[in-house]
Amino acid sequence: EKGLSGDWFSTNTSSQKVRAFREDPKASVYFMDRSRFQGVSLAGTVEVLETPEAKERLWREGDQLYYKRGVADPDYCVLRFTAAKGRYYGDFQSKDLQWTARQTIGKEKCHELR
């Protein structure tokens, strides 16, 4: 599998963004460190996952406040972002990021988009 994989997000299956990603999986993600005025912009695709394994991977105590039926709630799903290219910004310059095989940036990151 080519690309930079490892960014997983949880969201509502009924959300507009899930409908949009099902029609067109292209996406971008931007991470920044304000204290160092650095950032990385990643462009790639999002896959909507509804398997029990994917949902359990991100489920955290307290999520039942948003999903009353727990990890099996049909309105709970997971988005997996895989980057195809990226650009680093920092030190008043920018440069393209390139990779040829599946890589990750540090630990896989889990974020929630609500």
Protein backbone atom coordinates (compact mmCIF):
# COMPACT_ATOMS: atom_id res chain seq x y z
CA GLU A 1 0.00 0.00 0.00
CA LYS A 2 1.61 3.25 -1.12
CA GLY A 3 1.14 6.43 0.84
CA LEU A 4 1.62 7.79 4.31
CA SER A 5 -0.98 6.11 6.52
CA GLY A 6 -1.78 6.58 10.13
CA ASP A 7 -4.24 9.41 10.68
CA TRP A 8 -7.56 8.13 11.95
CA PHE A 9 -10.58 10.24 12.86
CA SER A 10 -13.98 9.39 14.30
CA THR A 11 -17.17 11.13 13.26
CA ASN A 12 -20.88 10.72 12.66
CA THR A 13 -21.87 8.40 9.81
CA SER A 14 -24.75 10.78 9.06
CA SER A 15 -22.45 13.81 8.67
CA GLN A 16 -22.06 15.83 5.50
CA LYS A 17 -18.32 15.08 5.42
CA VAL A 18 -18.95 11.32 5.31
CA ARG A 19 -21.39 11.79 2.41
CA ALA A 20 -18.78 13.95 0.64
CA PHE A 21 -15.92 11.45 1.19
CA ARG A 22 -18.05 8.61 -0.13
CA GLU A 23 -18.57 10.60 -3.34
CA ASP A 24 -15.01 11.92 -3.60
CA PRO A 25 -12.35 10.59 -1.18
CA LYS A 26 -9.80 13.37 -1.86
CA ALA A 27 -8.80 15.22 1.30
CA SER A 28 -6.09 17.27 2.94
CA VAL A 29 -4.94 17.53 6.54
CA TYR A 30 -2.78 20.23 8.09
CA PHE A 31 -0.83 19.82 11.33
CA MET A 32 0.93 22.74 12.95
CA ASP A 33 3.14 23.62 15.87
CA ARG A 34 2.30 27.22 16.74
CA SER A 35 5.14 27.54 19.22
CA ARG A 36 7.72 26.77 16.52
CA PHE A 37 5.78 28.25 13.58
CA GLN A 38 6.02 24.98 11.66
CA GLY A 39 3.48 22.86 9.87
CA VAL A 40 2.90 20.08 7.40
CA SER A 41 0.16 19.91 4.79
CA LEU A 42 -0.78 16.43 3.58
CA ALA A 43 -2.96 15.62 0.56
CA GLY A 44 -4.45 12.20 -0.03
CA THR A 45 -7.62 10.19 0.39
CA VAL A 46 -10.05 9.26 3.14
CA GLU A 47 -11.64 5.86 3.55
CA VAL A 48 -14.88 5.57 5.55
CA LEU A 49 -14.65 2.52 7.83
CA GLU A 50 -17.58 0.96 9.68
CA THR A 51 -16.09 -2.37 10.72
CA PRO A 52 -16.17 -3.31 14.40
CA GLU A 53 -12.34 -3.47 14.42
CA ALA A 54 -11.95 0.07 13.08
CA LYS A 55 -14.60 1.47 15.42
CA GLU A 56 -13.09 -0.22 18.48
CA ARG A 57 -9.65 1.10 17.55
CA LEU A 58 -10.73 4.68 18.27
CA TRP A 59 -13.46 4.16 20.86
CA ARG A 60 -12.68 5.91 24.13
CA GLU A 61 -14.39 6.02 27.49
CA GLY A 62 -16.85 8.88 27.38
CA ASP A 63 -17.71 8.49 23.69
CA GLN A 64 -21.07 7.10 24.74
CA LEU A 65 -22.07 10.70 25.47
CA TYR A 66 -22.13 11.21 21.69
CA TYR A 67 -23.07 7.67 20.62
CA LYS A 68 -25.82 6.35 22.91
CA ARG A 69 -25.64 2.83 21.47
CA GLY A 70 -21.94 2.55 22.19
CA VAL A 71 -19.22 1.43 19.79
CA ALA A 72 -21.86 -0.39 17.68
CA ASP A 73 -23.89 2.81 17.17
CA PRO A 74 -24.72 3.03 13.46
CA ASP A 75 -24.02 6.79 13.53
CA TYR A 76 -20.40 6.18 14.65
CA CYS A 77 -17.75 5.59 11.99
CA VAL A 78 -14.03 5.99 11.44
CA LEU A 79 -12.17 7.89 8.73
CA ARG A 80 -8.70 6.69 7.72
CA PHE A 81 -6.60 9.30 5.95
CA THR A 82 -3.75 8.16 3.68
CA ALA A 83 -1.44 10.86 2.35
CA ALA A 84 -0.10 10.71 -1.19
CA LYS A 85 2.01 13.86 -0.94
CA GLY A 86 2.91 16.57 1.52
CA ARG A 87 4.58 19.91 2.04
CA TYR A 88 6.53 21.11 5.09
CA TYR A 89 6.36 24.77 6.18
CA GLY A 90 8.81 26.25 8.66
CA ASP A 91 11.80 28.53 9.12
CA PHE A 92 10.31 30.90 6.51
CA GLN A 93 10.58 28.27 3.79
CA SER A 94 8.69 25.28 2.47
CA LYS A 95 9.62 22.04 0.79
CA ASP A 96 7.89 19.04 -0.70
CA LEU A 97 7.79 15.82 1.30
CA GLN A 98 8.35 12.62 -0.63
CA TRP A 99 8.21 8.94 0.24
CA THR A 100 8.13 5.76 -1.77
CA ALA A 101 6.78 3.20 0.68
CA ARG A 102 4.22 3.15 3.47
CA GLN A 103 5.50 5.28 6.33
CA THR A 104 4.07 6.88 9.43
CA ILE A 105 4.78 10.13 11.23
CA GLY A 106 5.54 9.17 14.82
CA LYS A 107 2.65 7.44 16.55
CA GLU A 108 -0.61 7.15 14.71
CA LYS A 109 -2.78 10.08 15.60
CA CYS A 110 -6.41 9.81 16.59
CA HIS A 111 -8.58 12.89 16.29
CA GLU A 112 -12.24 13.53 16.52
CA LEU A 113 -14.15 15.67 14.04
CA ARG A 114 -17.56 16.62 15.36
